[in-house]
Amino acid sequence: MKQEYHYTISRSDRIWLIVFVFFLLSWELVKYALPKADIVVTPHNSSEKSDTTTVAQIDKRKSKYIPYNKSHQEKDTYSNERYEYDEPTTPFLIQGATYNDLRSAGLSTKVSNNILRYIAAGGKLKNENDLMKIYGMDSTQLTTASPYLIYPSVEKEASVDSTQKEYSPNWFPKNLDLNTATVIQLDSLPGIGPVLAERIIKYKAGLGGFFDVQQLKEIYGLPPEILEKIIPYLTLTTTPDLININELDLTNFSHPYLQKRFPKMIKAYRDNHGPFLNATDLRKVYPPDSTWCEKILPYLIFN
C-alpha cells in the first residue's frame, strides 16, 4: 500500500516560496541603495512660526554638540591629581588661560571649569577677591596658584602718555636695575604696559631675582622686538637670592626652572648619597637631561 504524506508541498509551491523569499531579500537591498529623504519637522501648534529644519540638519547639530566638561573626565578633587600636569614655567594672564594652564597652576578640575565658564560668560577676574568668589575656590588653592596668576590691570598709565612713551626717549629710565625695579619703573619702558610689568615682577619673585637680562625672553607675552628696545635701559647691579642645595627643605619647594618631579629626585639623591659637592653631583640626578641643571646652577651654592 502506497504511504501518503499529509504535510508536503508541491513542486510549484516550493518554486513560488523561493521566488517570494528572493523578492524580500532584493527589496531590503534596494532600500539601502536608495537615498534617504529629508523629513520636514513642523511645530504641532499652528500659531507658531513654521520651521523647515530637516532630520539631517538636526543630526548635524547633534553631532556638533559636545558637553562642556566631556574632554575632562577626571575626579573633581583637589589632591595629588594636579601633579599629572607640569607646573607652568612662567606666570600667565588668567583672563586668557586655558584649562591646562589652570590645572598646572594647582587648581582643581571643578574650579578650572568654573573659571572658564565665568570668563566665557563675560566675567572679569581683576584680583584675588574676584577669584575667591568662584564656586569651589579656597585659600589653599589660591596660595598654590597665586605665583602663576596675573590679573588684568585696571589702573591707567599715570606716568606718561602712550604716544610719549613711544616717541620721547627722554621719558625712559637709564640704567634701571632689573632686580630692584618696581612696576611703575618697568611700566615706563618702551612697549611695556602695566600687565607686562607686573608679569616681570612676579617672574622675578619666583626665580629669586635675575642673573642675566636675557632671562626676560622667558616672560610670557613679551615680544622679541620689545625686548630689544628695553635691554639698553636695563642693568643688573644686584645678585639674585642663592639657594643652599644641601640645606634646602625640598618638601614643598618649587622653582620655575624645576619641573614637579625634580625636587623629589634631588631629595632622594641627597638622602641616598649624601650632600652635593658640586655641579657634577647635581647632574647625576637626571642624566638624560642636563639642561635643567645648567639653568638653575647660577642660583645654587654647595656649602
C-alpha atoms as a PDB file:
ATOM      1  CA  MET A   1       0.000   0.000   0.000  1.00  0.00           C
ATOM      2  CA  LYS A   2       1.385   3.441  -1.005  1.00  0.00           C
ATOM      3  CA  GLN A   3       2.207   5.743   2.009  1.00  0.00           C
ATOM      4  CA  GLU A   4       0.651   9.228   1.938  1.00  0.00           C
ATOM      5  CA  TYR A   5       2.267  12.365   3.345  1.00  0.00           C
ATOM      6  CA  HIS A   6      -0.193  14.969   4.600  1.00  0.00           C
ATOM      7  CA  TYR A   7       2.322  17.805   5.249  1.00  0.00           C
ATOM      8  CA  THR A   8       4.181  18.024   1.973  1.00  0.00           C
ATOM      9  CA  ILE A   9       4.041  20.848  -0.575  1.00  0.00           C
ATOM     10  CA  SER A  10       4.044  20.521  -4.272  1.00  0.00           C
ATOM     11  CA  ARG A  11       6.908  21.390  -6.562  1.00  0.00           C
ATOM     12  CA  SER A  12       5.190  24.535  -7.838  1.00  0.00           C
ATOM     13  CA  ASP A  13       4.574  25.744  -4.276  1.00  0.00           C
ATOM     14  CA  ARG A  14       8.265  25.355  -3.477  1.00  0.00           C
ATOM     15  CA  ILE A  15       9.190  27.412  -6.532  1.00  0.00           C
ATOM     16  CA  TRP A  16       6.830  30.254  -5.546  1.00  0.00           C
ATOM     17  CA  LEU A  17       8.171  30.226  -1.975  1.00  0.00           C
ATOM     18  CA  ILE A  18      11.743  30.584  -3.225  1.00  0.00           C
ATOM     19  CA  VAL A  19      10.711  33.430  -5.518  1.00  0.00           C
ATOM     20  CA  PHE A  20       8.956  35.211  -2.640  1.00  0.00           C
ATOM     21  CA  VAL A  21      11.996  34.967  -0.325  1.00  0.00           C
ATOM     22  CA  PHE A  22      14.259  36.189  -3.107  1.00  0.00           C
ATOM     23  CA  PHE A  23      11.923  39.168  -3.686  1.00  0.00           C
ATOM     24  CA  LEU A  24      12.037  40.134   0.017  1.00  0.00           C
ATOM     25  CA  LEU A  25      15.824  39.997   0.148  1.00  0.00           C
ATOM     26  CA  SER A  26      16.091  42.050  -3.037  1.00  0.00           C
ATOM     27  CA  TRP A  27      13.774  44.721  -1.627  1.00  0.00           C
ATOM     28  CA  GLU A  28      15.872  45.060   1.525  1.00  0.00           C
ATOM     29  CA  LEU A  29      18.998  45.580  -0.571  1.00  0.00           C
ATOM     30  CA  VAL A  30      17.234  48.174  -2.723  1.00  0.00           C
ATOM     31  CA  LYS A  31      16.196  50.176   0.370  1.00  0.00           C
ATOM     32  CA  TYR A  32      19.835  50.552   1.426  1.00  0.00           C
ATOM     33  CA  ALA A  33      20.767  51.783  -2.038  1.00  0.00           C
ATOM     34  CA  LEU A  34      18.029  54.426  -2.188  1.00  0.00           C
ATOM     35  CA  PRO A  35      18.900  57.960  -0.781  1.00  0.00           C
ATOM     36  CA  LYS A  36      17.263  58.896   2.498  1.00  0.00           C
ATOM     37  CA  ALA A  37      14.546  61.533   2.222  1.00  0.00           C
ATOM     38  CA  ASP A  38      14.749  64.571   4.477  1.00  0.00           C
ATOM     39  CA  ILE A  39      11.672  64.728   6.694  1.00  0.00           C
ATOM     40  CA  VAL A  40      10.463  68.220   7.450  1.00  0.00           C
ATOM     41  CA  VAL A  41       9.758  68.854  11.126  1.00  0.00           C
ATOM     42  CA  THR A  42       6.891  71.262  11.742  1.00  0.00           C
ATOM     43  CA  PRO A  43       5.578  72.547  15.070  1.00  0.00           C
ATOM     44  CA  HIS A  44       2.402  70.996  16.465  1.00  0.00           C
ATOM     45  CA  ASN A  45       0.933  74.376  17.264  1.00  0.00           C
ATOM     46  CA  SER A  46      -0.307  76.052  14.099  1.00  0.00           C
ATOM     47  CA  SER A  47       0.193  79.508  15.684  1.00  0.00           C
ATOM     48  CA  GLU A  48       3.960  79.004  15.874  1.00  0.00           C
ATOM     49  CA  LYS A  49       6.216  80.038  13.059  1.00  0.00           C
ATOM     50  CA  SER A  50       6.886  77.130  10.726  1.00  0.00           C
ATOM     51  CA  ASP A  51      10.305  75.550  10.954  1.00  0.00           C
ATOM     52  CA  THR A  52      11.675  73.695   7.964  1.00  0.00           C
ATOM     53  CA  THR A  53      14.510  72.037   9.832  1.00  0.00           C
ATOM     54  CA  THR A  54      15.208  68.639   8.374  1.00  0.00           C
ATOM     55  CA  VAL A  55      16.233  65.469  10.170  1.00  0.00           C
ATOM     56  CA  ALA A  56      19.638  65.613   8.509  1.00  0.00           C
ATOM     57  CA  GLN A  57      20.190  69.139   9.861  1.00  0.00           C
ATOM     58  CA  ILE A  58      19.125  68.067  13.347  1.00  0.00           C
ATOM     59  CA  ASP A  59      21.580  65.160  13.239  1.00  0.00           C
ATOM     60  CA  LYS A  60      24.294  67.554  12.136  1.00  0.00           C
ATOM     61  CA  ARG A  61      23.557  69.873  15.037  1.00  0.00           C
ATOM     62  CA  LYS A  62      23.612  66.991  17.487  1.00  0.00           C
ATOM     63  CA  SER A  63      26.980  65.853  16.181  1.00  0.00           C
ATOM     64  CA  LYS A  64      28.441  69.294  16.853  1.00  0.00           C
ATOM     65  CA  TYR A  65      27.156  69.433  20.421  1.00  0.00           C
ATOM     66  CA  ILE A  66      29.751  68.355  22.960  1.00  0.00           C
ATOM     67  CA  PRO A  67      29.139  68.745  26.695  1.00  0.00           C
ATOM     68  CA  TYR A  68      31.446  71.379  28.225  1.00  0.00           C
ATOM     69  CA  ASN A  69      33.264  69.021  30.524  1.00  0.00           C
ATOM     70  CA  LYS A  70      33.295  65.996  28.183  1.00  0.00           C
ATOM     71  CA  SER A  71      37.031  66.223  27.473  1.00  0.00           C
ATOM     72  CA  HIS A  72      37.972  66.431  31.153  1.00  0.00           C
ATOM     73  CA  GLN A  73      36.603  63.231  32.655  1.00  0.00           C
ATOM     74  CA  GLU A  74      38.584  63.454  35.868  1.00  0.00           C
ATOM     75  CA  LYS A  75      37.751  63.218  39.527  1.00  0.00           C
ATOM     76  CA  ASP A  76      36.578  66.524  40.907  1.00  0.00           C
ATOM     77  CA  THR A  77      39.021  66.667  43.790  1.00  0.00           C
ATOM     78  CA  TYR A  78      41.983  68.804  44.739  1.00  0.00           C
ATOM     79  CA  SER A  79      44.769  66.482  45.710  1.00  0.00           C
ATOM     80  CA  ASN A  80      47.653  64.728  44.009  1.00  0.00           C
ATOM     81  CA  GLU A  81      45.670  64.724  40.733  1.00  0.00           C
ATOM     82  CA  ARG A  82      47.100  68.123  39.867  1.00  0.00           C
ATOM     83  CA  TYR A  83      50.567  66.610  39.577  1.00  0.00           C
ATOM     84  CA  GLU A  84      49.508  64.964  36.321  1.00  0.00           C
ATOM     85  CA  TYR A  85      50.195  68.377  34.767  1.00  0.00           C
ATOM     86  CA  ASP A  86      53.591  70.055  34.542  1.00  0.00           C
ATOM     87  CA  GLU A  87      53.847  73.245  36.541  1.00  0.00           C
ATOM     88  CA  PRO A  88      53.893  76.375  34.357  1.00  0.00           C
ATOM     89  CA  THR A  89      57.351  77.853  33.844  1.00  0.00           C
ATOM     90  CA  THR A  90      56.075  81.436  33.643  1.00  0.00           C
ATOM     91  CA  PRO A  91      53.053  83.269  35.079  1.00  0.00           C
ATOM     92  CA  PHE A  92      50.085  83.676  32.750  1.00  0.00           C
ATOM     93  CA  LEU A  93      47.163  86.078  32.381  1.00  0.00           C
ATOM     94  CA  ILE A  94      44.144  84.448  33.995  1.00  0.00           C
ATOM     95  CA  GLN A  95      41.664  86.044  31.580  1.00  0.00           C
ATOM     96  CA  GLY A  96      43.258  84.186  28.658  1.00  0.00           C
ATOM     97  CA  ALA A  97      44.179  80.986  30.474  1.00  0.00           C
ATOM     98  CA  THR A  98      43.433  77.519  29.139  1.00  0.00           C
ATOM     99  CA  TYR A  99      42.217  74.505  31.100  1.00  0.00           C
ATOM    100  CA  ASN A 100      45.741  73.041  31.211  1.00  0.00           C
ATOM    101  CA  ASP A 101      47.167  76.384  32.415  1.00  0.00           C
ATOM    102  CA  LEU A 102      44.774  76.485  35.349  1.00  0.00           C
ATOM    103  CA  ARG A 103      45.270  72.820  36.254  1.00  0.00           C
ATOM    104  CA  SER A 104      49.059  73.060  36.057  1.00  0.00           C
ATOM    105  CA  ALA A 105      48.953  76.065  38.406  1.00  0.00           C
ATOM    106  CA  GLY A 106      47.361  73.832  41.043  1.00  0.00           C
ATOM    107  CA  LEU A 107      43.645  74.491  40.628  1.00  0.00           C
ATOM    108  CA  SER A 108      41.168  71.615  40.797  1.00  0.00           C
ATOM    109  CA  THR A 109      39.080  70.378  37.895  1.00  0.00           C
ATOM    110  CA  LYS A 110      35.914  71.953  39.309  1.00  0.00           C
ATOM    111  CA  VAL A 111      37.496  75.368  39.878  1.00  0.00           C
ATOM    112  CA  SER A 112      39.239  75.359  36.485  1.00  0.00           C
ATOM    113  CA  ASN A 113      35.998  74.617  34.668  1.00  0.00           C
ATOM    114  CA  ASN A 114      34.096  77.196  36.723  1.00  0.00           C
ATOM    115  CA  ILE A 115      36.685  79.861  35.916  1.00  0.00           C
ATOM    116  CA  LEU A 116      36.469  79.112  32.194  1.00  0.00           C
ATOM    117  CA  ARG A 117      32.660  79.247  32.315  1.00  0.00           C
ATOM    118  CA  TYR A 118      32.741  82.540  34.202  1.00  0.00           C
ATOM    119  CA  ILE A 119      35.148  84.134  31.706  1.00  0.00           C
ATOM    120  CA  ALA A 120      33.235  82.725  28.712  1.00  0.00           C
ATOM    121  CA  ALA A 121      30.093  84.380  30.095  1.00  0.00           C
ATOM    122  CA  GLY A 122      31.839  87.768  30.112  1.00  0.00           C
ATOM    123  CA  GLY A 123      33.096  87.771  33.708  1.00  0.00           C
ATOM    124  CA  LYS A 124      36.284  89.590  34.714  1.00  0.00           C
ATOM    125  CA  LEU A 125      38.740  88.369  37.340  1.00  0.00           C
ATOM    126  CA  LYS A 126      40.531  91.562  38.357  1.00  0.00           C
ATOM    127  CA  ASN A 127      42.103  90.396  41.610  1.00  0.00           C
ATOM    128  CA  GLU A 128      42.268  87.594  44.157  1.00  0.00           C
ATOM    129  CA  ASN A 129      38.994  88.687  45.765  1.00  0.00           C
ATOM    130  CA  ASP A 130      37.186  88.078  42.462  1.00  0.00           C
ATOM    131  CA  LEU A 131      38.865  84.686  42.139  1.00  0.00           C
ATOM    132  CA  MET A 132      37.763  83.646  45.637  1.00  0.00           C
ATOM    133  CA  LYS A 133      34.141  84.190  44.556  1.00  0.00           C
ATOM    134  CA  ILE A 134      34.425  81.326  42.053  1.00  0.00           C
ATOM    135  CA  TYR A 135      32.444  78.324  43.275  1.00  0.00           C
ATOM    136  CA  GLY A 136      34.772  75.685  44.768  1.00  0.00           C
ATOM    137  CA  MET A 137      37.723  78.056  45.241  1.00  0.00           C
ATOM    138  CA  ASP A 138      39.504  78.002  48.606  1.00  0.00           C
ATOM    139  CA  SER A 139      42.515  79.637  50.223  1.00  0.00           C
ATOM    140  CA  THR A 140      44.718  76.553  49.781  1.00  0.00           C
ATOM    141  CA  GLN A 141      44.325  76.530  46.014  1.00  0.00           C
ATOM    142  CA  LEU A 142      44.720  80.303  45.885  1.00  0.00           C
ATOM    143  CA  THR A 143      48.032  80.126  47.744  1.00  0.00           C
ATOM    144  CA  THR A 144      49.308  77.398  45.414  1.00  0.00           C
ATOM    145  CA  ALA A 145      48.258  79.095  42.173  1.00  0.00           C
ATOM    146  CA  SER A 146      48.935  82.718  43.130  1.00  0.00           C
ATOM    147  CA  PRO A 147      52.594  82.832  41.903  1.00  0.00           C
ATOM    148  CA  TYR A 148      51.443  81.848  38.395  1.00  0.00           C
ATOM    149  CA  LEU A 149      48.382  84.091  38.034  1.00  0.00           C
ATOM    150  CA  ILE A 150      48.376  87.555  36.518  1.00  0.00           C
ATOM    151  CA  TYR A 151      45.292  89.722  36.735  1.00  0.00           C
ATOM    152  CA  PRO A 152      44.396  92.349  34.148  1.00  0.00           C
ATOM    153  CA  SER A 153      45.394  95.730  35.487  1.00  0.00           C
ATOM    154  CA  VAL A 154      42.646  98.340  35.628  1.00  0.00           C
ATOM    155  CA  GLU A 155      44.981 101.163  36.572  1.00  0.00           C
ATOM    156  CA  LYS A 156      45.598 103.827  33.978  1.00  0.00           C
ATOM    157  CA  GLU A 157      49.112 104.717  32.943  1.00  0.00           C
ATOM    158  CA  ALA A 158      49.578 107.831  35.047  1.00  0.00           C
ATOM    159  CA  SER A 159      53.254 108.370  34.434  1.00  0.00           C
ATOM    160  CA  VAL A 160      53.319 109.208  30.707  1.00  0.00           C
ATOM    161  CA  ASP A 161      51.050 109.115  27.698  1.00  0.00           C
ATOM    162  CA  SER A 162      51.418 106.082  25.390  1.00  0.00           C
ATOM    163  CA  THR A 163      52.458 108.286  22.451  1.00  0.00           C
ATOM    164  CA  GLN A 164      55.100 109.959  24.599  1.00  0.00           C
ATOM    165  CA  LYS A 165      56.460 106.575  25.642  1.00  0.00           C
ATOM    166  CA  GLU A 166      56.809 105.598  22.007  1.00  0.00           C
ATOM    167  CA  TYR A 167      58.386 108.762  20.638  1.00  0.00           C
ATOM    168  CA  SER A 168      60.038 110.546  23.579  1.00  0.00           C
ATOM    169  CA  PRO A 169      63.169 108.673  24.745  1.00  0.00           C
ATOM    170  CA  ASN A 170      63.724 111.259  27.467  1.00  0.00           C
ATOM    171  CA  TRP A 171      60.918 109.622  29.419  1.00  0.00           C
ATOM    172  CA  PHE A 172      62.741 106.291  29.691  1.00  0.00           C
ATOM    173  CA  PRO A 173      64.789 105.484  32.850  1.00  0.00           C
ATOM    174  CA  LYS A 174      68.516 104.974  32.460  1.00  0.00           C
ATOM    175  CA  ASN A 175      70.454 102.009  33.898  1.00  0.00           C
ATOM    176  CA  LEU A 176      67.397 100.547  35.597  1.00  0.00           C
ATOM    177  CA  ASP A 177      68.351  97.620  37.865  1.00  0.00           C
ATOM    178  CA  LEU A 178      66.117  94.769  36.801  1.00  0.00           C
ATOM    179  CA  ASN A 179      66.216  93.137  40.248  1.00  0.00           C
ATOM    180  CA  THR A 180      65.135  96.264  42.149  1.00  0.00           C
ATOM    181  CA  ALA A 181      62.801  97.819  39.558  1.00  0.00           C
ATOM    182  CA  THR A 182      59.206  98.489  40.537  1.00  0.00           C
ATOM    183  CA  VAL A 183      56.071  98.007  38.456  1.00  0.00           C
ATOM    184  CA  ILE A 184      55.890 101.762  37.782  1.00  0.00           C
ATOM    185  CA  GLN A 185      59.521 101.897  36.627  1.00  0.00           C
ATOM    186  CA  LEU A 186      59.116  98.906  34.315  1.00  0.00           C
ATOM    187  CA  ASP A 187      55.847 100.336  33.013  1.00  0.00           C
ATOM    188  CA  SER A 188      57.711 103.440  31.874  1.00  0.00           C
ATOM    189  CA  LEU A 189      59.909 101.402  29.478  1.00  0.00           C
ATOM    190  CA  PRO A 190      59.027 101.449  25.749  1.00  0.00           C
ATOM    191  CA  GLY A 191      56.416  98.836  24.864  1.00  0.00           C
ATOM    192  CA  ILE A 192      55.931  97.687  28.461  1.00  0.00           C
ATOM    193  CA  GLY A 193      52.475  98.207  29.914  1.00  0.00           C
ATOM    194  CA  PRO A 194      51.203  97.521  33.432  1.00  0.00           C
ATOM    195  CA  VAL A 195      50.358  93.892  32.611  1.00  0.00           C
ATOM    196  CA  LEU A 196      53.850  93.014  31.348  1.00  0.00           C
ATOM    197  CA  ALA A 197      55.440  94.989  34.170  1.00  0.00           C
ATOM    198  CA  GLU A 198      53.512  93.007  36.776  1.00  0.00           C
ATOM    199  CA  ARG A 199      54.344  89.784  34.944  1.00  0.00           C
ATOM    200  CA  ILE A 200      58.078  90.566  35.087  1.00  0.00           C
ATOM    201  CA  ILE A 201      57.873  91.312  38.812  1.00  0.00           C
ATOM    202  CA  LYS A 202      56.079  88.040  39.545  1.00  0.00           C
ATOM    203  CA  TYR A 203      58.528  86.003  37.480  1.00  0.00           C
ATOM    204  CA  LYS A 204      61.437  87.696  39.248  1.00  0.00           C
ATOM    205  CA  ALA A 205      59.907  86.749  42.610  1.00  0.00           C
ATOM    206  CA  GLY A 206      59.571  83.128  41.519  1.00  0.00           C
ATOM    207  CA  LEU A 207      63.181  82.985  40.374  1.00  0.00           C
ATOM    208  CA  GLY A 208      64.591  84.822  43.357  1.00  0.00           C
ATOM    209  CA  GLY A 209      65.981  87.503  41.044  1.00  0.00           C
ATOM    210  CA  PHE A 210      67.537  87.662  37.587  1.00  0.00           C
ATOM    211  CA  PHE A 211      71.200  86.902  36.914  1.00  0.00           C
ATOM    212  CA  ASP A 212      71.008  87.810  33.209  1.00  0.00           C
ATOM    213  CA  VAL A 213      68.862  90.354  31.385  1.00  0.00           C
ATOM    214  CA  GLN A 214      68.323  87.775  28.630  1.00  0.00           C
ATOM    215  CA  GLN A 215      66.133  85.810  31.029  1.00  0.00           C
ATOM    216  CA  LEU A 216      63.383  88.243  30.061  1.00  0.00           C
ATOM    217  CA  LYS A 217      62.969  86.103  26.929  1.00  0.00           C
ATOM    218  CA  GLU A 218      61.198  83.606  29.178  1.00  0.00           C
ATOM    219  CA  ILE A 219      58.455  86.090  30.098  1.00  0.00           C
ATOM    220  CA  TYR A 220      55.143  85.043  28.592  1.00  0.00           C
ATOM    221  CA  GLY A 221      53.809  87.580  26.081  1.00  0.00           C
ATOM    222  CA  LEU A 222      56.974  89.685  25.822  1.00  0.00           C
ATOM    223  CA  PRO A 223      57.731  90.040  22.076  1.00  0.00           C
ATOM    224  CA  PRO A 224      61.386  89.880  20.947  1.00  0.00           C
ATOM    225  CA  GLU A 225      61.164  93.323  19.320  1.00  0.00           C
ATOM    226  CA  ILE A 226      60.051  94.883  22.612  1.00  0.00           C
ATOM    227  CA  LEU A 227      62.842  93.075  24.449  1.00  0.00           C
ATOM    228  CA  GLU A 228      65.403  94.603  22.078  1.00  0.00           C
ATOM    229  CA  LYS A 229      64.001  98.065  22.824  1.00  0.00           C
ATOM    230  CA  ILE A 230      64.200  97.796  26.622  1.00  0.00           C
ATOM    231  CA  ILE A 231      67.524  95.971  27.065  1.00  0.00           C
ATOM    232  CA  PRO A 232      69.628  99.150  26.542  1.00  0.00           C
ATOM    233  CA  TYR A 233      67.858 100.720  29.529  1.00  0.00           C
ATOM    234  CA  LEU A 234      68.371  97.768  31.890  1.00  0.00           C
ATOM    235  CA  THR A 235      71.268  96.661  34.040  1.00  0.00           C
ATOM    236  CA  LEU A 236      71.958  94.184  36.857  1.00  0.00           C
ATOM    237  CA  THR A 237      73.881  95.592  39.810  1.00  0.00           C
ATOM    238  CA  THR A 238      72.410  93.220  42.406  1.00  0.00           C
ATOM    239  CA  THR A 239      72.638  89.437  42.516  1.00  0.00           C
ATOM    240  CA  PRO A 240      69.703  87.023  42.845  1.00  0.00           C
ATOM    241  CA  ASP A 241      68.966  85.099  46.016  1.00  0.00           C
ATOM    242  CA  LEU A 242      71.138  81.988  46.273  1.00  0.00           C
ATOM    243  CA  ILE A 243      69.902  78.593  47.437  1.00  0.00           C
ATOM    244  CA  ASN A 244      71.944  76.144  49.503  1.00  0.00           C
ATOM    245  CA  ILE A 245      71.038  72.871  47.805  1.00  0.00           C
ATOM    246  CA  ASN A 246      72.225  70.779  50.771  1.00  0.00           C
ATOM    247  CA  GLU A 247      70.198  72.632  53.426  1.00  0.00           C
ATOM    248  CA  LEU A 248      67.080  73.349  51.395  1.00  0.00           C
ATOM    249  CA  ASP A 249      63.784  71.801  52.527  1.00  0.00           C
ATOM    250  CA  LEU A 250      62.554  70.237  49.287  1.00  0.00           C
ATOM    251  CA  THR A 251      59.205  69.061  50.630  1.00  0.00           C
ATOM    252  CA  ASN A 252      57.205  71.981  49.214  1.00  0.00           C
ATOM    253  CA  PHE A 253      59.940  73.691  47.224  1.00  0.00           C
ATOM    254  CA  SER A 254      59.168  74.980  43.739  1.00  0.00           C
ATOM    255  CA  HIS A 255      61.142  76.968  41.186  1.00  0.00           C
ATOM    256  CA  PRO A 256      60.373  77.997  37.592  1.00  0.00           C
ATOM    257  CA  TYR A 257      63.419  76.047  36.404  1.00  0.00           C
ATOM    258  CA  LEU A 258      62.473  72.822  38.191  1.00  0.00           C
ATOM    259  CA  GLN A 259      59.655  70.630  36.968  1.00  0.00           C
ATOM    260  CA  LYS A 260      57.465  68.989  39.582  1.00  0.00           C
ATOM    261  CA  ARG A 261      59.441  65.744  39.714  1.00  0.00           C
ATOM    262  CA  PHE A 262      62.913  67.230  40.222  1.00  0.00           C
ATOM    263  CA  PRO A 263      62.651  68.344  43.894  1.00  0.00           C
ATOM    264  CA  LYS A 264      61.661  64.790  44.853  1.00  0.00           C
ATOM    265  CA  MET A 265      64.524  63.359  42.777  1.00  0.00           C
ATOM    266  CA  ILE A 266      67.010  65.784  44.323  1.00  0.00           C
ATOM    267  CA  LYS A 267      65.806  64.892  47.816  1.00  0.00           C
ATOM    268  CA  ALA A 268      66.033  61.161  47.088  1.00  0.00           C
ATOM    269  CA  TYR A 269      69.570  61.523  45.722  1.00  0.00           C
ATOM    270  CA  ARG A 270      70.628  63.589  48.747  1.00  0.00           C
ATOM    271  CA  ASP A 271      69.157  61.011  51.160  1.00  0.00           C
ATOM    272  CA  ASN A 272      70.924  58.109  49.423  1.00  0.00           C
ATOM    273  CA  HIS A 273      74.280  59.673  48.510  1.00  0.00           C
ATOM    274  CA  GLY A 274      74.759  62.478  50.992  1.00  0.00           C
ATOM    275  CA  PRO A 275      75.241  66.201  50.266  1.00  0.00           C
ATOM    276  CA  PHE A 276      76.007  67.546  46.798  1.00  0.00           C
ATOM    277  CA  LEU A 277      79.648  68.540  46.457  1.00  0.00           C
ATOM    278  CA  ASN A 278      79.475  70.272  43.078  1.00  0.00           C
ATOM    279  CA  ALA A 279      77.550  70.619  39.825  1.00  0.00           C
ATOM    280  CA  THR A 280      78.757  67.200  38.675  1.00  0.00           C
ATOM    281  CA  ASP A 281      76.854  65.539  41.514  1.00  0.00           C
ATOM    282  CA  LEU A 282      73.742  67.532  40.641  1.00  0.00           C
ATOM    283  CA  ARG A 283      73.844  66.394  37.005  1.00  0.00           C
ATOM    284  CA  LYS A 284      73.645  62.772  38.213  1.00  0.00           C
ATOM    285  CA  VAL A 285      70.101  63.328  39.463  1.00  0.00           C
ATOM    286  CA  TYR A 286      68.647  63.071  35.964  1.00  0.00           C
ATOM    287  CA  PRO A 287      71.424  62.128  33.491  1.00  0.00           C
ATOM    288  CA  PRO A 288      69.316  62.006  30.283  1.00  0.00           C
ATOM    289  CA  ASP A 289      68.659  65.748  30.503  1.00  0.00           C
ATOM    290  CA  SER A 290      71.100  68.277  31.977  1.00  0.00           C
ATOM    291  CA  THR A 291      69.548  71.458  30.560  1.00  0.00           C
ATOM    292  CA  TRP A 292      67.508  71.962  33.740  1.00  0.00           C
ATOM    293  CA  CYS A 293      70.712  71.752  35.762  1.00  0.00           C
ATOM    294  CA  GLU A 294      72.502  74.405  33.669  1.00  0.00           C
ATOM    295  CA  LYS A 295      69.589  76.809  34.096  1.00  0.00           C
ATOM    296  CA  ILE A 296      69.347  76.547  37.884  1.00  0.00           C
ATOM    297  CA  LEU A 297      73.068  76.328  38.701  1.00  0.00           C
ATOM    298  CA  PRO A 298      73.538  80.131  38.966  1.00  0.00           C
ATOM    299  CA  TYR A 299      71.075  80.076  41.880  1.00  0.00           C
ATOM    300  CA  LEU A 300      72.760  77.256  43.835  1.00  0.00           C
ATOM    301  CA  ILE A 301      75.585  77.015  46.322  1.00  0.00           C
ATOM    302  CA  PHE A 302      77.054  73.716  47.595  1.00  0.00           C
ATOM    303  CA  ASN A 303      78.378  74.673  51.041  1.00  0.00           C
END
